[in-house]
Amino acid sequence: MASSMLIGILITFLVIVLVLYLVGRLPIDGRTKQVVQIIVIIIGIVSLLKYLAVF
């Protein structure tokens, strides 16, 4: 049980990092890029909190 939760957390973290990297590579305006990065971080934090059974 604990190992599957740890794997889920690790995969979620890696997906967040990958999406943030890809957003950083997009040729869009700096302000828009910041907004997208904040949205990705918020979604990632909520997803990680679900794995930790906070929600």
PDB file of N, CA and C in Angstrom:
ATOM      1  N   MET A   1       0.828  -1.192   0.000  1.00  0.00           N
ATOM      2  CA  MET A   1       0.000   0.000   0.000  1.00  0.00           C
ATOM      3  C   MET A   1       0.870   1.253   0.000  1.00  0.00           C
ATOM      4  N   ALA A   2       1.865   1.304   0.866  1.00  0.00           N
ATOM      5  CA  ALA A   2       2.713   2.484   0.965  1.00  0.00           C
ATOM      6  C   ALA A   2       3.573   2.659  -0.282  1.00  0.00           C
ATOM      7  N   SER A   3       4.011   1.541  -0.863  1.00  0.00           N
ATOM      8  CA  SER A   3       4.855   1.650  -2.053  1.00  0.00           C
ATOM      9  C   SER A   3       4.065   2.150  -3.253  1.00  0.00           C
ATOM     10  N   SER A   4       2.802   1.759  -3.372  1.00  0.00           N
ATOM     11  CA  SER A   4       1.997   2.253  -4.489  1.00  0.00           C
ATOM     12  C   SER A   4       1.698   3.746  -4.322  1.00  0.00           C
ATOM     13  N   MET A   5       1.510   4.186  -3.084  1.00  0.00           N
ATOM     14  CA  MET A   5       1.298   5.607  -2.840  1.00  0.00           C
ATOM     15  C   MET A   5       2.563   6.395  -3.168  1.00  0.00           C
ATOM     16  N   LEU A   6       3.709   5.864  -2.799  1.00  0.00           N
ATOM     17  CA  LEU A   6       4.983   6.528  -3.079  1.00  0.00           C
ATOM     18  C   LEU A   6       5.235   6.607  -4.581  1.00  0.00           C
ATOM     19  N   ILE A   7       4.917   5.554  -5.301  1.00  0.00           N
ATOM     20  CA  ILE A   7       5.082   5.551  -6.759  1.00  0.00           C
ATOM     21  C   ILE A   7       4.133   6.576  -7.390  1.00  0.00           C
ATOM     22  N   GLY A   8       2.913   6.658  -6.913  1.00  0.00           N
ATOM     23  CA  GLY A   8       1.957   7.634  -7.427  1.00  0.00           C
ATOM     24  C   GLY A   8       2.417   9.059  -7.193  1.00  0.00           C
ATOM     25  N   ILE A   9       2.954   9.319  -6.013  1.00  0.00           N
ATOM     26  CA  ILE A   9       3.471  10.654  -5.696  1.00  0.00           C
ATOM     27  C   ILE A   9       4.656  10.989  -6.592  1.00  0.00           C
ATOM     28  N   LEU A  10       5.539  10.033  -6.801  1.00  0.00           N
ATOM     29  CA  LEU A  10       6.718  10.249  -7.644  1.00  0.00           C
ATOM     30  C   LEU A  10       6.320  10.521  -9.091  1.00  0.00           C
ATOM     31  N   ILE A  11       5.395   9.748  -9.604  1.00  0.00           N
ATOM     32  CA  ILE A  11       4.934   9.949 -10.988  1.00  0.00           C
ATOM     33  C   ILE A  11       4.260  11.309 -11.127  1.00  0.00           C
ATOM     34  N   THR A  12       3.435  11.679 -10.159  1.00  0.00           N
ATOM     35  CA  THR A  12       2.778  12.985 -10.197  1.00  0.00           C
ATOM     36  C   THR A  12       3.808  14.109 -10.183  1.00  0.00           C
ATOM     37  N   PHE A  13       4.807  14.000  -9.334  1.00  0.00           N
ATOM     38  CA  PHE A  13       5.857  15.012  -9.257  1.00  0.00           C
ATOM     39  C   PHE A  13       6.616  15.119 -10.580  1.00  0.00           C
ATOM     40  N   LEU A  14       6.941  13.978 -11.176  1.00  0.00           N
ATOM     41  CA  LEU A  14       7.657  13.994 -12.452  1.00  0.00           C
ATOM     42  C   LEU A  14       6.819  14.601 -13.574  1.00  0.00           C
ATOM     43  N   VAL A  15       5.526  14.332 -13.578  1.00  0.00           N
ATOM     44  CA  VAL A  15       4.640  14.925 -14.590  1.00  0.00           C
ATOM     45  C   VAL A  15       4.580  16.437 -14.411  1.00  0.00           C
ATOM     46  N   ILE A  16       4.506  16.905 -13.171  1.00  0.00           N
ATOM     47  CA  ILE A  16       4.472  18.343 -12.913  1.00  0.00           C
ATOM     48  C   ILE A  16       5.745  19.003 -13.435  1.00  0.00           C
ATOM     49  N   VAL A  17       6.889  18.405 -13.125  1.00  0.00           N
ATOM     50  CA  VAL A  17       8.166  18.957 -13.581  1.00  0.00           C
ATOM     51  C   VAL A  17       8.240  18.958 -15.104  1.00  0.00           C
ATOM     52  N   LEU A  18       7.789  17.887 -15.741  1.00  0.00           N
ATOM     53  CA  LEU A  18       7.812  17.811 -17.200  1.00  0.00           C
ATOM     54  C   LEU A  18       6.911  18.869 -17.833  1.00  0.00           C
ATOM     55  N   VAL A  19       5.720  19.048 -17.300  1.00  0.00           N
ATOM     56  CA  VAL A  19       4.799  20.050 -17.848  1.00  0.00           C
ATOM     57  C   VAL A  19       5.366  21.454 -17.648  1.00  0.00           C
ATOM     58  N   LEU A  20       5.952  21.724 -16.484  1.00  0.00           N
ATOM     59  CA  LEU A  20       6.561  23.037 -16.263  1.00  0.00           C
ATOM     60  C   LEU A  20       7.716  23.282 -17.225  1.00  0.00           C
ATOM     61  N   TYR A  21       8.503  22.259 -17.501  1.00  0.00           N
ATOM     62  CA  TYR A  21       9.601  22.384 -18.459  1.00  0.00           C
ATOM     63  C   TYR A  21       9.059  22.689 -19.859  1.00  0.00           C
ATOM     64  N   LEU A  22       8.026  21.966 -20.258  1.00  0.00           N
ATOM     65  CA  LEU A  22       7.447  22.172 -21.590  1.00  0.00           C
ATOM     66  C   LEU A  22       6.796  23.547 -21.711  1.00  0.00           C
ATOM     67  N   VAL A  23       6.160  24.018 -20.642  1.00  0.00           N
ATOM     68  CA  VAL A  23       5.580  25.360 -20.666  1.00  0.00           C
ATOM     69  C   VAL A  23       6.689  26.403 -20.799  1.00  0.00           C
ATOM     70  N   GLY A  24       7.801  26.170 -20.147  1.00  0.00           N
ATOM     71  CA  GLY A  24       8.934  27.086 -20.256  1.00  0.00           C
ATOM     72  C   GLY A  24       9.502  27.153 -21.654  1.00  0.00           C
ATOM     73  N   ARG A  25       9.344  26.091 -22.433  1.00  0.00           N
ATOM     74  CA  ARG A  25       9.867  26.048 -23.799  1.00  0.00           C
ATOM     75  C   ARG A  25       8.916  26.661 -24.828  1.00  0.00           C
ATOM     76  N   LEU A  26       7.674  26.936 -24.434  1.00  0.00           N
ATOM     77  CA  LEU A  26       6.699  27.480 -25.375  1.00  0.00           C
ATOM     78  C   LEU A  26       7.041  28.922 -25.742  1.00  0.00           C
ATOM     79  N   PRO A  27       6.862  29.273 -27.008  1.00  0.00           N
ATOM     80  CA  PRO A  27       7.139  30.655 -27.428  1.00  0.00           C
ATOM     81  C   PRO A  27       5.932  31.563 -27.199  1.00  0.00           C
ATOM     82  N   ILE A  28       5.603  31.800 -25.929  1.00  0.00           N
ATOM     83  CA  ILE A  28       4.472  32.662 -25.605  1.00  0.00           C
ATOM     84  C   ILE A  28       4.954  33.815 -24.735  1.00  0.00           C
ATOM     85  N   ASP A  29       4.076  34.769 -24.531  1.00  0.00           N
ATOM     86  CA  ASP A  29       4.376  35.952 -23.737  1.00  0.00           C
ATOM     87  C   ASP A  29       4.761  35.563 -22.304  1.00  0.00           C
ATOM     88  N   GLY A  30       5.651  36.331 -21.694  1.00  0.00           N
ATOM     89  CA  GLY A  30       6.133  36.023 -20.356  1.00  0.00           C
ATOM     90  C   GLY A  30       5.044  36.013 -19.303  1.00  0.00           C
ATOM     91  N   ARG A  31       4.115  36.953 -19.393  1.00  0.00           N
ATOM     92  CA  ARG A  31       3.021  37.023 -18.416  1.00  0.00           C
ATOM     93  C   ARG A  31       2.114  35.797 -18.535  1.00  0.00           C
ATOM     94  N   THR A  32       1.801  35.416 -19.773  1.00  0.00           N
ATOM     95  CA  THR A  32       0.964  34.239 -20.004  1.00  0.00           C
ATOM     96  C   THR A  32       1.665  32.982 -19.514  1.00  0.00           C
ATOM     97  N   LYS A  33       2.958  32.928 -19.722  1.00  0.00           N
ATOM     98  CA  LYS A  33       3.742  31.766 -19.281  1.00  0.00           C
ATOM     99  C   LYS A  33       3.699  31.644 -17.763  1.00  0.00           C
ATOM    100  N   GLN A  34       3.792  32.766 -17.058  1.00  0.00           N
ATOM    101  CA  GLN A  34       3.721  32.737 -15.598  1.00  0.00           C
ATOM    102  C   GLN A  34       2.366  32.258 -15.113  1.00  0.00           C
ATOM    103  N   VAL A  35       1.307  32.714 -15.760  1.00  0.00           N
ATOM    104  CA  VAL A  35      -0.047  32.300 -15.370  1.00  0.00           C
ATOM    105  C   VAL A  35      -0.209  30.792 -15.562  1.00  0.00           C
ATOM    106  N   VAL A  36       0.254  30.278 -16.695  1.00  0.00           N
ATOM    107  CA  VAL A  36       0.147  28.839 -16.969  1.00  0.00           C
ATOM    108  C   VAL A  36       0.972  28.049 -15.957  1.00  0.00           C
ATOM    109  N   GLN A  37       2.159  28.533 -15.612  1.00  0.00           N
ATOM    110  CA  GLN A  37       2.990  27.840 -14.629  1.00  0.00           C
ATOM    111  C   GLN A  37       2.317  27.808 -13.260  1.00  0.00           C
ATOM    112  N   ILE A  38       1.684  28.901 -12.862  1.00  0.00           N
ATOM    113  CA  ILE A  38       0.982  28.936 -11.578  1.00  0.00           C
ATOM    114  C   ILE A  38      -0.187  27.958 -11.577  1.00  0.00           C
ATOM    115  N   ILE A  39      -0.924  27.895 -12.685  1.00  0.00           N
ATOM    116  CA  ILE A  39      -2.047  26.957 -12.782  1.00  0.00           C
ATOM    117  C   ILE A  39      -1.552  25.515 -12.681  1.00  0.00           C
ATOM    118  N   VAL A  40      -0.453  25.201 -13.365  1.00  0.00           N
ATOM    119  CA  VAL A  40       0.104  23.843 -13.319  1.00  0.00           C
ATOM    120  C   VAL A  40       0.559  23.502 -11.905  1.00  0.00           C
ATOM    121  N   ILE A  41       1.183  24.441 -11.221  1.00  0.00           N
ATOM    122  CA  ILE A  41       1.644  24.187  -9.854  1.00  0.00           C
ATOM    123  C   ILE A  41       0.461  23.958  -8.914  1.00  0.00           C
ATOM    124  N   ILE A  42      -0.594  24.748  -9.058  1.00  0.00           N
ATOM    125  CA  ILE A  42      -1.770  24.577  -8.192  1.00  0.00           C
ATOM    126  C   ILE A  42      -2.422  23.219  -8.439  1.00  0.00           C
ATOM    127  N   ILE A  43      -2.582  22.850  -9.702  1.00  0.00           N
ATOM    128  CA  ILE A  43      -3.157  21.542 -10.023  1.00  0.00           C
ATOM    129  C   ILE A  43      -2.270  20.419  -9.482  1.00  0.00           C
ATOM    130  N   GLY A  44      -0.967  20.577  -9.589  1.00  0.00           N
ATOM    131  CA  GLY A  44      -0.031  19.574  -9.073  1.00  0.00           C
ATOM    132  C   GLY A  44      -0.111  19.427  -7.570  1.00  0.00           C
ATOM    133  N   ILE A  45      -0.212  20.542  -6.859  1.00  0.00           N
ATOM    134  CA  ILE A  45      -0.303  20.488  -5.402  1.00  0.00           C
ATOM    135  C   ILE A  45      -1.598  19.806  -4.975  1.00  0.00           C
ATOM    136  N   VAL A  46      -2.695  20.137  -5.644  1.00  0.00           N
ATOM    137  CA  VAL A  46      -3.974  19.494  -5.314  1.00  0.00           C
ATOM    138  C   VAL A  46      -3.898  17.989  -5.579  1.00  0.00           C
ATOM    139  N   SER A  47      -3.259  17.625  -6.674  1.00  0.00           N
ATOM    140  CA  SER A  47      -3.119  16.202  -7.000  1.00  0.00           C
ATOM    141  C   SER A  47      -2.256  15.478  -5.962  1.00  0.00           C
ATOM    142  N   LEU A  48      -1.171  16.103  -5.540  1.00  0.00           N
ATOM    143  CA  LEU A  48      -0.327  15.489  -4.507  1.00  0.00           C
ATOM    144  C   LEU A  48      -1.064  15.388  -3.178  1.00  0.00           C
ATOM    145  N   LEU A  49      -1.881  16.370  -2.852  1.00  0.00           N
ATOM    146  CA  LEU A  49      -2.641  16.306  -1.607  1.00  0.00           C
ATOM    147  C   LEU A  49      -3.681  15.198  -1.651  1.00  0.00           C
ATOM    148  N   LYS A  50      -4.205  14.906  -2.829  1.00  0.00           N
ATOM    149  CA  LYS A  50      -5.149  13.785  -2.952  1.00  0.00           C
ATOM    150  C   LYS A  50      -4.451  12.461  -2.669  1.00  0.00           C
ATOM    151  N   TYR A  51      -3.190  12.335  -3.142  1.00  0.00           N
ATOM    152  CA  TYR A  51      -2.440  11.110  -2.839  1.00  0.00           C
ATOM    153  C   TYR A  51      -2.169  10.966  -1.353  1.00  0.00           C
ATOM    154  N   LEU A  52      -2.019  12.077  -0.670  1.00  0.00           N
ATOM    155  CA  LEU A  52      -1.754  12.025   0.760  1.00  0.00           C
ATOM    156  C   LEU A  52      -3.040  11.962   1.591  1.00  0.00           C
ATOM    157  N   ALA A  53      -4.179  11.828   0.903  1.00  0.00           N
ATOM    158  CA  ALA A  53      -5.502  11.666   1.512  1.00  0.00           C
ATOM    159  C   ALA A  53      -5.890  12.865   2.367  1.00  0.00           C
ATOM    160  N   VAL A  54      -5.511  14.046   1.931  1.00  0.00           N
ATOM    161  CA  VAL A  54      -5.923  15.266   2.626  1.00  0.00           C
ATOM    162  C   VAL A  54      -7.342  15.621   2.179  1.00  0.00           C
ATOM    163  N   PHE A  55      -7.650  15.384   0.890  1.00  0.00           N
ATOM    164  CA  PHE A  55      -8.987  15.667   0.363  1.00  0.00           C
ATOM    165  C   PHE A  55      -9.792  14.398   0.308  1.00  0.00           C
TER     166      PHE A  55
END
